[in-house]
């Protein structure tokens, strides 16, 4: 099994290298993801990757993202909190509108379309489908997969080739770790471990990423400098995350219902286009640069959008604040509300 893991990792490295040669966005994340999809779906090979390795990689990336916060950026984020709330509601509303459009033009019922369009994560929506049995779990997973794939390719590509003036690979841009940074690094590791332990005890989602972000940000906001990590550590973390992203993607599921596939793709493109208009308004209203605004409001994952922000030198703390707020809002309020509505509708129909 270890031999298979090593071969998969080497293949993923090759995929990342190819993506970097042709200057595609997020090469060391999307390259491994596409490589895994090709191995699994093109060659019919069974692919596995230990969740523990993915979790360690997420901790590394969470530390890097949390380290972007400073007391000054913390105050700036607090001042932007009303704006963050409005843009969160707008993003969720547009995604649900896209779900409604998919419902109107396909055979998918409304509950399935809305749950498939909610920017809350594939795993969370799949679990809700299992709980309430009121939506087609297969269709929900397909729609969430389409949303994820579209956003993580389109938004970085748009930013890289249309909006950003300065671009660099987050791996190449990483500073060198100094031996004198070891005590501070151990302090951060200890705090992250404690936050991660509490986070898991509370059974909160996305612990491997959010706990390091919160733990690291808590220290940096208090004035403690976060030492940089070696470039190799960041590269390996991106590759491991990319591998894990590619494993759940099944091409047969995506092609089983071509009509839902088509309208799901169109609806998420519509959401991205409409958000782009609002992002320009947001930039003019708040002073946030357009690139940071686009990445901040994109209905993708916090990991992918954080890496995109690092790549184009966007305001990483603002991007993480927007994405983190929306993720927590969706998990704490939007998904429970949607679950309640679907359950209520089901009970009314049964009566």
C-alpha atoms as a PDB file:
ATOM      1  CA  UNK A   1       0.000   0.000   0.000  1.00  0.00           C
ATOM      2  CA  UNK A   2       2.849   2.406   0.831  1.00  0.00           C
ATOM      3  CA  UNK A   3       4.341   1.619  -2.577  1.00  0.00           C
ATOM      4  CA  UNK A   4       1.057   2.671  -4.226  1.00  0.00           C
ATOM      5  CA  UNK A   5       1.011   5.899  -2.225  1.00  0.00           C
ATOM      6  CA  UNK A   6       4.547   6.718  -3.353  1.00  0.00           C
ATOM      7  CA  UNK A   7       3.727   6.027  -7.012  1.00  0.00           C
ATOM      8  CA  UNK A   8       0.594   8.168  -6.781  1.00  0.00           C
ATOM      9  CA  UNK A   9       2.563  10.991  -5.181  1.00  0.00           C
ATOM     10  CA  UNK A  10       5.222  10.847  -7.911  1.00  0.00           C
ATOM     11  CA  UNK A  11       2.539  10.876 -10.620  1.00  0.00           C
ATOM     12  CA  UNK A  12       0.902  13.855  -8.919  1.00  0.00           C
ATOM     13  CA  UNK A  13       4.252  15.654  -8.824  1.00  0.00           C
ATOM     14  CA  UNK A  14       4.606  15.058 -12.562  1.00  0.00           C
ATOM     15  CA  UNK A  15       1.127  16.478 -13.135  1.00  0.00           C
ATOM     16  CA  UNK A  16       1.975  19.553 -11.096  1.00  0.00           C
ATOM     17  CA  UNK A  17       5.203  20.020 -13.027  1.00  0.00           C
ATOM     18  CA  UNK A  18       3.366  19.843 -16.366  1.00  0.00           C
ATOM     19  CA  UNK A  19       0.807  22.398 -15.159  1.00  0.00           C
ATOM     20  CA  UNK A  20       3.624  24.700 -14.047  1.00  0.00           C
ATOM     21  CA  UNK A  21       5.377  24.391 -17.432  1.00  0.00           C
ATOM     22  CA  UNK A  22       2.270  25.527 -19.318  1.00  0.00           C
ATOM     23  CA  UNK A  23       1.584  28.258 -16.739  1.00  0.00           C
ATOM     24  CA  UNK A  24      -1.806  27.037 -15.558  1.00  0.00           C
ATOM     25  CA  UNK A  25      -3.118  28.448 -12.262  1.00  0.00           C
ATOM     26  CA  UNK A  26      -2.431  26.612  -8.989  1.00  0.00           C
ATOM     27  CA  UNK A  27      -0.211  24.062 -10.766  1.00  0.00           C
ATOM     28  CA  UNK A  28       0.784  22.143  -7.629  1.00  0.00           C
ATOM     29  CA  UNK A  29      -2.842  21.721  -6.554  1.00  0.00           C
ATOM     30  CA  UNK A  30      -4.827  21.411  -9.783  1.00  0.00           C
ATOM     31  CA  UNK A  31      -2.117  19.424 -11.581  1.00  0.00           C
ATOM     32  CA  UNK A  32      -2.188  16.598  -9.011  1.00  0.00           C
ATOM     33  CA  UNK A  33      -5.989  16.737  -8.919  1.00  0.00           C
ATOM     34  CA  UNK A  34      -6.276  16.274 -12.690  1.00  0.00           C
ATOM     35  CA  UNK A  35      -3.627  13.535 -12.604  1.00  0.00           C
ATOM     36  CA  UNK A  36      -5.635  11.565 -10.045  1.00  0.00           C
ATOM     37  CA  UNK A  37      -8.839  12.015 -12.064  1.00  0.00           C
ATOM     38  CA  UNK A  38      -7.096  10.680 -15.193  1.00  0.00           C
ATOM     39  CA  UNK A  39      -5.584   7.692 -13.363  1.00  0.00           C
ATOM     40  CA  UNK A  40      -8.882   6.829 -11.704  1.00  0.00           C
ATOM     41  CA  UNK A  41     -11.310   7.483 -14.555  1.00  0.00           C
ATOM     42  CA  UNK A  42      -9.135   7.216 -17.654  1.00  0.00           C
ATOM     43  CA  UNK A  43      -7.152   4.113 -16.724  1.00  0.00           C
ATOM     44  CA  UNK A  44      -9.685   2.590 -14.343  1.00  0.00           C
ATOM     45  CA  UNK A  45      -7.169   2.244 -11.523  1.00  0.00           C
ATOM     46  CA  UNK A  46      -8.208   2.182  -7.881  1.00  0.00           C
ATOM     47  CA  UNK A  47      -6.843   5.244  -6.100  1.00  0.00           C
ATOM     48  CA  UNK A  48      -6.500   5.783  -2.351  1.00  0.00           C
ATOM     49  CA  UNK A  49      -4.853   8.448  -0.231  1.00  0.00           C
ATOM     50  CA  UNK A  50      -4.643   8.486   3.582  1.00  0.00           C
ATOM     51  CA  UNK A  51      -6.879  11.173   5.127  1.00  0.00           C
ATOM     52  CA  UNK A  52      -4.188  11.722   7.771  1.00  0.00           C
ATOM     53  CA  UNK A  53      -1.717  12.939   5.136  1.00  0.00           C
ATOM     54  CA  UNK A  54      -4.322  15.296   3.694  1.00  0.00           C
ATOM     55  CA  UNK A  55      -5.032  16.615   7.197  1.00  0.00           C
ATOM     56  CA  UNK A  56      -1.355  17.316   7.889  1.00  0.00           C
ATOM     57  CA  UNK A  57      -1.150  19.145   4.551  1.00  0.00           C
ATOM     58  CA  UNK A  58      -4.197  21.217   5.466  1.00  0.00           C
ATOM     59  CA  UNK A  59      -2.580  22.142   8.790  1.00  0.00           C
ATOM     60  CA  UNK A  60       0.472  23.413   6.902  1.00  0.00           C
ATOM     61  CA  UNK A  61      -1.636  25.518   4.528  1.00  0.00           C
ATOM     62  CA  UNK A  62      -3.838  26.724   7.383  1.00  0.00           C
ATOM     63  CA  UNK A  63      -0.735  27.932   9.222  1.00  0.00           C
ATOM     64  CA  UNK A  64       0.468  29.835   6.146  1.00  0.00           C
ATOM     65  CA  UNK A  65      -2.935  31.467   5.641  1.00  0.00           C
ATOM     66  CA  UNK A  66      -3.404  32.316   9.302  1.00  0.00           C
ATOM     67  CA  UNK A  67       0.049  33.860   9.357  1.00  0.00           C
ATOM     68  CA  UNK A  68      -1.126  36.579   6.967  1.00  0.00           C
ATOM     69  CA  UNK A  69      -3.093  38.255   9.777  1.00  0.00           C
ATOM     70  CA  UNK A  70      -1.558  41.122  11.742  1.00  0.00           C
ATOM     71  CA  UNK A  71      -3.056  43.523  14.304  1.00  0.00           C
ATOM     72  CA  UNK A  72      -3.471  46.055  11.489  1.00  0.00           C
ATOM     73  CA  UNK A  73      -5.203  43.638   9.118  1.00  0.00           C
ATOM     74  CA  UNK A  74      -7.359  42.421  12.016  1.00  0.00           C
ATOM     75  CA  UNK A  75      -8.672  45.933  12.608  1.00  0.00           C
ATOM     76  CA  UNK A  76      -9.252  46.320   8.882  1.00  0.00           C
ATOM     77  CA  UNK A  77     -11.269  43.085   8.758  1.00  0.00           C
ATOM     78  CA  UNK A  78     -13.424  44.187  11.709  1.00  0.00           C
ATOM     79  CA  UNK A  79     -14.226  47.431   9.910  1.00  0.00           C
ATOM     80  CA  UNK A  80     -15.197  45.405   6.836  1.00  0.00           C
ATOM     81  CA  UNK A  81     -17.476  43.027   8.772  1.00  0.00           C
ATOM     82  CA  UNK A  82     -20.769  44.606   7.566  1.00  0.00           C
ATOM     83  CA  UNK A  83     -19.495  44.412   3.985  1.00  0.00           C
ATOM     84  CA  UNK A  84     -18.402  40.805   4.479  1.00  0.00           C
ATOM     85  CA  UNK A  85     -21.882  39.941   5.770  1.00  0.00           C
ATOM     86  CA  UNK A  86     -23.633  41.585   2.815  1.00  0.00           C
ATOM     87  CA  UNK A  87     -21.371  39.899   0.259  1.00  0.00           C
ATOM     88  CA  UNK A  88     -21.832  36.547   2.004  1.00  0.00           C
ATOM     89  CA  UNK A  89     -25.612  36.846   1.741  1.00  0.00           C
ATOM     90  CA  UNK A  90     -25.284  37.952  -1.881  1.00  0.00           C
ATOM     91  CA  UNK A  91     -23.035  35.012  -2.804  1.00  0.00           C
ATOM     92  CA  UNK A  92     -25.339  32.482  -1.138  1.00  0.00           C
ATOM     93  CA  UNK A  93     -28.388  34.101  -2.735  1.00  0.00           C
ATOM     94  CA  UNK A  94     -26.870  33.970  -6.223  1.00  0.00           C
ATOM     95  CA  UNK A  95     -25.857  30.327  -5.753  1.00  0.00           C
ATOM     96  CA  UNK A  96     -29.392  29.423  -4.670  1.00  0.00           C
ATOM     97  CA  UNK A  97     -30.755  31.362  -7.662  1.00  0.00           C
ATOM     98  CA  UNK A  98     -28.520  29.240  -9.874  1.00  0.00           C
ATOM     99  CA  UNK A  99     -29.945  26.157  -8.185  1.00  0.00           C
ATOM    100  CA  UNK A 100     -33.482  27.343  -8.857  1.00  0.00           C
ATOM    101  CA  UNK A 101     -32.648  27.892 -12.531  1.00  0.00           C
ATOM    102  CA  UNK A 102     -31.227  24.366 -12.734  1.00  0.00           C
ATOM    103  CA  UNK A 103     -34.463  23.072 -11.189  1.00  0.00           C
ATOM    104  CA  UNK A 104     -36.627  24.886 -13.743  1.00  0.00           C
ATOM    105  CA  UNK A 105     -34.771  23.506 -16.750  1.00  0.00           C
ATOM    106  CA  UNK A 106     -34.050  19.963 -15.558  1.00  0.00           C
ATOM    107  CA  UNK A 107     -35.847  17.076 -13.921  1.00  0.00           C
ATOM    108  CA  UNK A 108     -34.129  17.692 -10.576  1.00  0.00           C
ATOM    109  CA  UNK A 109     -36.521  18.638  -7.770  1.00  0.00           C
ATOM    110  CA  UNK A 110     -36.116  21.996  -6.020  1.00  0.00           C
ATOM    111  CA  UNK A 111     -34.616  20.591  -2.809  1.00  0.00           C
ATOM    112  CA  UNK A 112     -31.969  18.684  -4.757  1.00  0.00           C
ATOM    113  CA  UNK A 113     -31.091  21.697  -6.909  1.00  0.00           C
ATOM    114  CA  UNK A 114     -30.781  24.059  -3.941  1.00  0.00           C
ATOM    115  CA  UNK A 115     -28.669  21.645  -1.925  1.00  0.00           C
ATOM    116  CA  UNK A 116     -26.489  20.993  -4.967  1.00  0.00           C
ATOM    117  CA  UNK A 117     -25.884  24.725  -5.420  1.00  0.00           C
ATOM    118  CA  UNK A 118     -25.248  25.763  -1.810  1.00  0.00           C
ATOM    119  CA  UNK A 119     -21.592  26.853  -1.421  1.00  0.00           C
ATOM    120  CA  UNK A 120     -21.163  24.710   1.671  1.00  0.00           C
ATOM    121  CA  UNK A 121     -18.990  21.855   0.543  1.00  0.00           C
ATOM    122  CA  UNK A 122     -19.598  18.498  -1.067  1.00  0.00           C
ATOM    123  CA  UNK A 123     -19.172  16.405   2.072  1.00  0.00           C
ATOM    124  CA  UNK A 124     -21.518  18.500   4.209  1.00  0.00           C
ATOM    125  CA  UNK A 125     -24.310  18.446   1.623  1.00  0.00           C
ATOM    126  CA  UNK A 126     -23.892  14.707   1.090  1.00  0.00           C
ATOM    127  CA  UNK A 127     -24.308  14.118   4.831  1.00  0.00           C
ATOM    128  CA  UNK A 128     -27.485  16.212   4.899  1.00  0.00           C
ATOM    129  CA  UNK A 129     -28.930  14.151   2.045  1.00  0.00           C
ATOM    130  CA  UNK A 130     -28.275  11.012   4.082  1.00  0.00           C
ATOM    131  CA  UNK A 131     -29.968  12.548   7.126  1.00  0.00           C
ATOM    132  CA  UNK A 132     -33.234  13.789   5.640  1.00  0.00           C
ATOM    133  CA  UNK A 133     -33.665  11.501   2.605  1.00  0.00           C
ATOM    134  CA  UNK A 134     -35.492  14.317   0.813  1.00  0.00           C
ATOM    135  CA  UNK A 135     -33.101  14.923  -2.060  1.00  0.00           C
ATOM    136  CA  UNK A 136     -31.271  12.863  -4.643  1.00  0.00           C
ATOM    137  CA  UNK A 137     -27.835  12.455  -3.049  1.00  0.00           C
ATOM    138  CA  UNK A 138     -26.201  11.437  -6.334  1.00  0.00           C
ATOM    139  CA  UNK A 139     -27.436  14.559  -8.108  1.00  0.00           C
ATOM    140  CA  UNK A 140     -26.431  16.775  -5.180  1.00  0.00           C
ATOM    141  CA  UNK A 141     -22.903  15.341  -5.196  1.00  0.00           C
ATOM    142  CA  UNK A 142     -22.686  15.789  -8.974  1.00  0.00           C
ATOM    143  CA  UNK A 143     -23.801  19.439  -8.784  1.00  0.00           C
ATOM    144  CA  UNK A 144     -21.413  20.181  -5.922  1.00  0.00           C
ATOM    145  CA  UNK A 145     -18.580  18.546  -7.871  1.00  0.00           C
ATOM    146  CA  UNK A 146     -19.348  20.665 -10.935  1.00  0.00           C
ATOM    147  CA  UNK A 147     -19.395  23.803  -8.774  1.00  0.00           C
ATOM    148  CA  UNK A 148     -16.064  22.936  -7.187  1.00  0.00           C
ATOM    149  CA  UNK A 149     -14.322  22.045 -10.457  1.00  0.00           C
ATOM    150  CA  UNK A 150     -15.658  25.109 -12.281  1.00  0.00           C
ATOM    151  CA  UNK A 151     -14.746  27.582  -9.553  1.00  0.00           C
ATOM    152  CA  UNK A 152     -11.257  26.224  -8.828  1.00  0.00           C
ATOM    153  CA  UNK A 153     -10.368  26.373 -12.528  1.00  0.00           C
ATOM    154  CA  UNK A 154     -12.254  29.456 -13.768  1.00  0.00           C
ATOM    155  CA  UNK A 155     -11.562  31.896 -10.920  1.00  0.00           C
ATOM    156  CA  UNK A 156      -7.775  31.334 -10.718  1.00  0.00           C
ATOM    157  CA  UNK A 157      -7.570  31.414 -14.541  1.00  0.00           C
ATOM    158  CA  UNK A 158      -9.585  34.652 -14.663  1.00  0.00           C
ATOM    159  CA  UNK A 159      -7.465  36.248 -11.969  1.00  0.00           C
ATOM    160  CA  UNK A 160      -4.174  35.014 -13.412  1.00  0.00           C
ATOM    161  CA  UNK A 161      -4.797  35.995 -17.028  1.00  0.00           C
ATOM    162  CA  UNK A 162      -7.220  38.891 -16.741  1.00  0.00           C
ATOM    163  CA  UNK A 163      -6.880  40.803 -13.493  1.00  0.00           C
ATOM    164  CA  UNK A 164      -3.581  40.315 -11.670  1.00  0.00           C
ATOM    165  CA  UNK A 165      -0.525  42.450 -12.383  1.00  0.00           C
ATOM    166  CA  UNK A 166       1.913  40.437 -10.284  1.00  0.00           C
ATOM    167  CA  UNK A 167       1.981  36.646 -10.221  1.00  0.00           C
ATOM    168  CA  UNK A 168       4.270  34.175  -8.495  1.00  0.00           C
ATOM    169  CA  UNK A 169       4.185  30.573  -7.421  1.00  0.00           C
ATOM    170  CA  UNK A 170       3.423  30.398  -3.665  1.00  0.00           C
ATOM    171  CA  UNK A 171       6.172  27.782  -3.448  1.00  0.00           C
ATOM    172  CA  UNK A 172       8.805  29.972  -5.089  1.00  0.00           C
ATOM    173  CA  UNK A 173       7.641  32.996  -3.100  1.00  0.00           C
ATOM    174  CA  UNK A 174       8.130  31.241   0.228  1.00  0.00           C
ATOM    175  CA  UNK A 175      10.898  32.564   2.438  1.00  0.00           C
ATOM    176  CA  UNK A 176      13.568  30.445   4.076  1.00  0.00           C
ATOM    177  CA  UNK A 177      13.123  29.152   7.617  1.00  0.00           C
ATOM    178  CA  UNK A 178      15.828  30.391   9.976  1.00  0.00           C
ATOM    179  CA  UNK A 179      17.110  28.323  12.902  1.00  0.00           C
ATOM    180  CA  UNK A 180      16.266  31.210  15.229  1.00  0.00           C
ATOM    181  CA  UNK A 181      12.600  30.824  14.280  1.00  0.00           C
ATOM    182  CA  UNK A 182      12.367  27.378  15.873  1.00  0.00           C
ATOM    183  CA  UNK A 183      11.066  28.531  19.318  1.00  0.00           C
ATOM    184  CA  UNK A 184       8.325  30.612  17.712  1.00  0.00           C
ATOM    185  CA  UNK A 185       7.459  27.762  15.359  1.00  0.00           C
ATOM    186  CA  UNK A 186       7.124  25.397  18.328  1.00  0.00           C
ATOM    187  CA  UNK A 187       4.836  27.923  20.034  1.00  0.00           C
ATOM    188  CA  UNK A 188       2.586  28.048  16.978  1.00  0.00           C
ATOM    189  CA  UNK A 189       2.603  24.254  16.735  1.00  0.00           C
ATOM    190  CA  UNK A 190       1.511  23.968  20.365  1.00  0.00           C
ATOM    191  CA  UNK A 191      -1.297  26.494  19.970  1.00  0.00           C
ATOM    192  CA  UNK A 192      -2.500  24.831  16.770  1.00  0.00           C
ATOM    193  CA  UNK A 193      -2.514  21.444  18.509  1.00  0.00           C
ATOM    194  CA  UNK A 194      -4.651  22.808  21.366  1.00  0.00           C
ATOM    195  CA  UNK A 195      -7.092  24.572  19.033  1.00  0.00           C
ATOM    196  CA  UNK A 196      -7.298  21.476  16.847  1.00  0.00           C
ATOM    197  CA  UNK A 197      -8.031  19.296  19.894  1.00  0.00           C
ATOM    198  CA  UNK A 198     -10.806  21.625  21.106  1.00  0.00           C
ATOM    199  CA  UNK A 199     -12.186  21.961  17.574  1.00  0.00           C
ATOM    200  CA  UNK A 200     -12.461  18.181  17.181  1.00  0.00           C
ATOM    201  CA  UNK A 201     -13.951  17.764  20.660  1.00  0.00           C
ATOM    202  CA  UNK A 202     -16.694  20.196  19.632  1.00  0.00           C
ATOM    203  CA  UNK A 203     -17.153  18.133  16.435  1.00  0.00           C
ATOM    204  CA  UNK A 204     -16.887  21.184  14.216  1.00  0.00           C
ATOM    205  CA  UNK A 205     -16.306  20.660  10.472  1.00  0.00           C
ATOM    206  CA  UNK A 206     -13.115  21.319   8.495  1.00  0.00           C
ATOM    207  CA  UNK A 207     -10.971  21.087  11.637  1.00  0.00           C
ATOM    208  CA  UNK A 208      -7.703  20.367   9.821  1.00  0.00           C
ATOM    209  CA  UNK A 209      -7.842  23.705   7.975  1.00  0.00           C
ATOM    210  CA  UNK A 210      -9.864  26.053  10.167  1.00  0.00           C
ATOM    211  CA  UNK A 211      -8.185  25.218  13.491  1.00  0.00           C
ATOM    212  CA  UNK A 212      -4.676  26.124  12.206  1.00  0.00           C
ATOM    213  CA  UNK A 213      -6.019  29.309  10.609  1.00  0.00           C
ATOM    214  CA  UNK A 214      -7.734  30.389  13.830  1.00  0.00           C
ATOM    215  CA  UNK A 215      -4.864  29.330  16.092  1.00  0.00           C
ATOM    216  CA  UNK A 216      -2.210  31.019  13.968  1.00  0.00           C
ATOM    217  CA  UNK A 217      -4.292  34.151  13.406  1.00  0.00           C
ATOM    218  CA  UNK A 218      -4.928  34.411  17.143  1.00  0.00           C
ATOM    219  CA  UNK A 219      -1.195  34.570  17.839  1.00  0.00           C
ATOM    220  CA  UNK A 220      -0.313  36.888  14.954  1.00  0.00           C
ATOM    221  CA  UNK A 221      -3.136  39.270  15.868  1.00  0.00           C
ATOM    222  CA  UNK A 222      -1.571  39.529  19.317  1.00  0.00           C
ATOM    223  CA  UNK A 223       1.696  40.604  17.712  1.00  0.00           C
ATOM    224  CA  UNK A 224       3.611  37.302  17.491  1.00  0.00           C
ATOM    225  CA  UNK A 225       5.407  36.876  14.165  1.00  0.00           C
ATOM    226  CA  UNK A 226       4.664  33.636  12.292  1.00  0.00           C
ATOM    227  CA  UNK A 227       7.941  32.189  10.949  1.00  0.00           C
ATOM    228  CA  UNK A 228       7.873  31.247   7.257  1.00  0.00           C
ATOM    229  CA  UNK A 229       7.820  27.590   6.300  1.00  0.00           C
ATOM    230  CA  UNK A 230      10.258  25.987   3.838  1.00  0.00           C
ATOM    231  CA  UNK A 231       9.137  26.122   0.222  1.00  0.00           C
ATOM    232  CA  UNK A 232       9.256  22.327   0.015  1.00  0.00           C
ATOM    233  CA  UNK A 233       6.732  21.987   2.845  1.00  0.00           C
ATOM    234  CA  UNK A 234       4.260  24.270   1.079  1.00  0.00           C
ATOM    235  CA  UNK A 235       4.747  22.446  -2.232  1.00  0.00           C
ATOM    236  CA  UNK A 236       4.211  19.005  -0.689  1.00  0.00           C
ATOM    237  CA  UNK A 237       1.132  20.265   1.158  1.00  0.00           C
ATOM    238  CA  UNK A 238      -0.397  21.560  -2.077  1.00  0.00           C
ATOM    239  CA  UNK A 239       0.296  18.271  -3.859  1.00  0.00           C
ATOM    240  CA  UNK A 240      -1.265  16.213  -1.055  1.00  0.00           C
ATOM    241  CA  UNK A 241      -4.383  18.392  -1.013  1.00  0.00           C
ATOM    242  CA  UNK A 242      -4.657  18.189  -4.806  1.00  0.00           C
ATOM    243  CA  UNK A 243      -4.485  14.389  -4.688  1.00  0.00           C
ATOM    244  CA  UNK A 244      -7.258  14.250  -2.116  1.00  0.00           C
ATOM    245  CA  UNK A 245      -9.408  16.667  -4.162  1.00  0.00           C
ATOM    246  CA  UNK A 246      -9.223  14.416  -7.201  1.00  0.00           C
ATOM    247  CA  UNK A 247     -10.186  11.150  -5.491  1.00  0.00           C
ATOM    248  CA  UNK A 248     -13.972  11.779  -5.076  1.00  0.00           C
ATOM    249  CA  UNK A 249     -14.425  12.949  -8.684  1.00  0.00           C
ATOM    250  CA  UNK A 250     -16.158  10.284 -10.778  1.00  0.00           C
ATOM    251  CA  UNK A 251     -16.607  11.029 -14.462  1.00  0.00           C
ATOM    252  CA  UNK A 252     -19.376   8.451 -14.844  1.00  0.00           C
ATOM    253  CA  UNK A 253     -21.433  10.310 -12.225  1.00  0.00           C
ATOM    254  CA  UNK A 254     -20.839  13.611 -13.984  1.00  0.00           C
ATOM    255  CA  UNK A 255     -21.966  12.269 -17.362  1.00  0.00           C
ATOM    256  CA  UNK A 256     -24.986  10.230 -16.228  1.00  0.00           C
ATOM    257  CA  UNK A 257     -27.333  13.222 -16.339  1.00  0.00           C
ATOM    258  CA  UNK A 258     -26.020  15.519 -19.037  1.00  0.00           C
ATOM    259  CA  UNK A 259     -28.906  17.982 -18.743  1.00  0.00           C
ATOM    260  CA  UNK A 260     -28.278  18.604 -15.048  1.00  0.00           C
ATOM    261  CA  UNK A 261     -24.553  18.738 -15.789  1.00  0.00           C
ATOM    262  CA  UNK A 262     -25.058  21.382 -18.479  1.00  0.00           C
ATOM    263  CA  UNK A 263     -27.344  23.651 -16.462  1.00  0.00           C
ATOM    264  CA  UNK A 264     -25.257  23.284 -13.311  1.00  0.00           C
ATOM    265  CA  UNK A 265     -22.231  24.425 -15.288  1.00  0.00           C
ATOM    266  CA  UNK A 266     -24.138  27.346 -16.804  1.00  0.00           C
ATOM    267  CA  UNK A 267     -25.569  28.403 -13.451  1.00  0.00           C
ATOM    268  CA  UNK A 268     -22.186  28.531 -11.713  1.00  0.00           C
ATOM    269  CA  UNK A 269     -20.747  30.512 -14.639  1.00  0.00           C
ATOM    270  CA  UNK A 270     -23.682  32.913 -14.224  1.00  0.00           C
ATOM    271  CA  UNK A 271     -22.922  33.229 -10.507  1.00  0.00           C
ATOM    272  CA  UNK A 272     -19.241  33.956 -11.196  1.00  0.00           C
ATOM    273  CA  UNK A 273     -20.142  36.565 -13.844  1.00  0.00           C
ATOM    274  CA  UNK A 274     -22.681  38.343 -11.616  1.00  0.00           C
ATOM    275  CA  UNK A 275     -20.295  38.296  -8.676  1.00  0.00           C
ATOM    276  CA  UNK A 276     -17.649  39.874 -10.893  1.00  0.00           C
ATOM    277  CA  UNK A 277     -19.946  42.878 -11.416  1.00  0.00           C
ATOM    278  CA  UNK A 278     -20.553  43.198  -7.686  1.00  0.00           C
ATOM    279  CA  UNK A 279     -16.825  42.775  -7.023  1.00  0.00           C
ATOM    280  CA  UNK A 280     -16.068  45.895  -9.053  1.00  0.00           C
ATOM    281  CA  UNK A 281     -18.721  47.761  -7.060  1.00  0.00           C
ATOM    282  CA  UNK A 282     -17.242  46.370  -3.850  1.00  0.00           C
ATOM    283  CA  UNK A 283     -13.764  47.522  -4.833  1.00  0.00           C
ATOM    284  CA  UNK A 284     -14.987  51.030  -5.622  1.00  0.00           C
ATOM    285  CA  UNK A 285     -17.011  51.237  -2.411  1.00  0.00           C
ATOM    286  CA  UNK A 286     -14.537  49.839   0.115  1.00  0.00           C
ATOM    287  CA  UNK A 287     -11.113  50.383  -1.417  1.00  0.00           C
ATOM    288  CA  UNK A 288     -10.373  46.639  -1.590  1.00  0.00           C
ATOM    289  CA  UNK A 289      -8.484  45.927  -4.797  1.00  0.00           C
ATOM    290  CA  UNK A 290     -10.475  44.155  -7.512  1.00  0.00           C
ATOM    291  CA  UNK A 291      -8.326  41.018  -7.485  1.00  0.00           C
ATOM    292  CA  UNK A 292      -8.801  40.526  -3.745  1.00  0.00           C
ATOM    293  CA  UNK A 293     -12.535  41.202  -4.078  1.00  0.00           C
ATOM    294  CA  UNK A 294     -12.948  38.599  -6.837  1.00  0.00           C
ATOM    295  CA  UNK A 295     -11.096  35.911  -4.891  1.00  0.00           C
ATOM    296  CA  UNK A 296     -12.826  36.834  -1.620  1.00  0.00           C
ATOM    297  CA  UNK A 297     -16.358  36.380  -2.938  1.00  0.00           C
ATOM    298  CA  UNK A 298     -15.730  33.396  -5.238  1.00  0.00           C
ATOM    299  CA  UNK A 299     -17.967  30.464  -4.190  1.00  0.00           C
ATOM    300  CA  UNK A 300     -15.058  28.048  -4.001  1.00  0.00           C
ATOM    301  CA  UNK A 301     -13.082  26.438  -1.217  1.00  0.00           C
ATOM    302  CA  UNK A 302     -11.074  28.452   1.275  1.00  0.00           C
ATOM    303  CA  UNK A 303      -7.971  26.378   0.476  1.00  0.00           C
ATOM    304  CA  UNK A 304      -8.060  26.973  -3.281  1.00  0.00           C
ATOM    305  CA  UNK A 305      -8.959  30.653  -2.981  1.00  0.00           C
ATOM    306  CA  UNK A 306      -6.276  31.185  -0.336  1.00  0.00           C
ATOM    307  CA  UNK A 307      -3.652  29.641  -2.608  1.00  0.00           C
ATOM    308  CA  UNK A 308      -4.911  31.787  -5.492  1.00  0.00           C
ATOM    309  CA  UNK A 309      -4.523  34.898  -3.337  1.00  0.00           C
ATOM    310  CA  UNK A 310      -0.968  33.871  -2.468  1.00  0.00           C
ATOM    311  CA  UNK A 311      -0.185  33.295  -6.140  1.00  0.00           C
ATOM    312  CA  UNK A 312      -1.280  36.776  -7.301  1.00  0.00           C
ATOM    313  CA  UNK A 313      -0.215  38.681  -4.166  1.00  0.00           C
ATOM    314  CA  UNK A 314      -3.773  39.612  -3.253  1.00  0.00           C
ATOM    315  CA  UNK A 315      -4.725  40.727   0.257  1.00  0.00           C
ATOM    316  CA  UNK A 316      -4.590  37.252   1.797  1.00  0.00           C
ATOM    317  CA  UNK A 317      -6.013  38.239   5.186  1.00  0.00           C
ATOM    318  CA  UNK A 318      -9.040  39.860   3.527  1.00  0.00           C
ATOM    319  CA  UNK A 319      -9.580  36.834   1.287  1.00  0.00           C
ATOM    320  CA  UNK A 320      -9.379  34.425   4.233  1.00  0.00           C
ATOM    321  CA  UNK A 321     -11.697  36.630   6.314  1.00  0.00           C
ATOM    322  CA  UNK A 322     -14.358  36.675   3.563  1.00  0.00           C
ATOM    323  CA  UNK A 323     -14.062  32.964   2.821  1.00  0.00           C
ATOM    324  CA  UNK A 324     -13.919  31.938   6.488  1.00  0.00           C
ATOM    325  CA  UNK A 325     -16.939  34.066   7.411  1.00  0.00           C
ATOM    326  CA  UNK A 326     -18.987  32.616   4.560  1.00  0.00           C
ATOM    327  CA  UNK A 327     -17.977  29.068   5.414  1.00  0.00           C
ATOM    328  CA  UNK A 328     -18.992  29.489   9.057  1.00  0.00           C
ATOM    329  CA  UNK A 329     -22.204  31.291   8.054  1.00  0.00           C
ATOM    330  CA  UNK A 330     -23.145  28.471   5.694  1.00  0.00           C
ATOM    331  CA  UNK A 331     -22.309  25.718   8.180  1.00  0.00           C
ATOM    332  CA  UNK A 332     -23.942  27.361  11.208  1.00  0.00           C
ATOM    333  CA  UNK A 333     -26.963  29.117   9.670  1.00  0.00           C
ATOM    334  CA  UNK A 334     -27.572  28.467   5.965  1.00  0.00           C
ATOM    335  CA  UNK A 335     -27.300  24.667   5.905  1.00  0.00           C
ATOM    336  CA  UNK A 336     -29.450  24.151   9.054  1.00  0.00           C
ATOM    337  CA  UNK A 337     -32.035  26.544   7.588  1.00  0.00           C
ATOM    338  CA  UNK A 338     -32.033  24.654   4.294  1.00  0.00           C
ATOM    339  CA  UNK A 339     -32.278  21.350   6.143  1.00  0.00           C
ATOM    340  CA  UNK A 340     -35.269  22.672   8.121  1.00  0.00           C
ATOM    341  CA  UNK A 341     -36.976  23.937   4.961  1.00  0.00           C
ATOM    342  CA  UNK A 342     -36.463  20.676   3.078  1.00  0.00           C
ATOM    343  CA  UNK A 343     -37.711  18.638   6.034  1.00  0.00           C
ATOM    344  CA  UNK A 344     -40.734  20.900   6.462  1.00  0.00           C
ATOM    345  CA  UNK A 345     -41.584  20.713   2.761  1.00  0.00           C
ATOM    346  CA  UNK A 346     -41.313  16.950   2.898  1.00  0.00           C
ATOM    347  CA  UNK A 347     -43.694  16.750   5.871  1.00  0.00           C
ATOM    348  CA  UNK A 348     -46.209  19.039   4.173  1.00  0.00           C
ATOM    349  CA  UNK A 349     -46.141  16.941   1.015  1.00  0.00           C
ATOM    350  CA  UNK A 350     -46.611  13.728   2.993  1.00  0.00           C
ATOM    351  CA  UNK A 351     -49.677  15.203   4.697  1.00  0.00           C
END
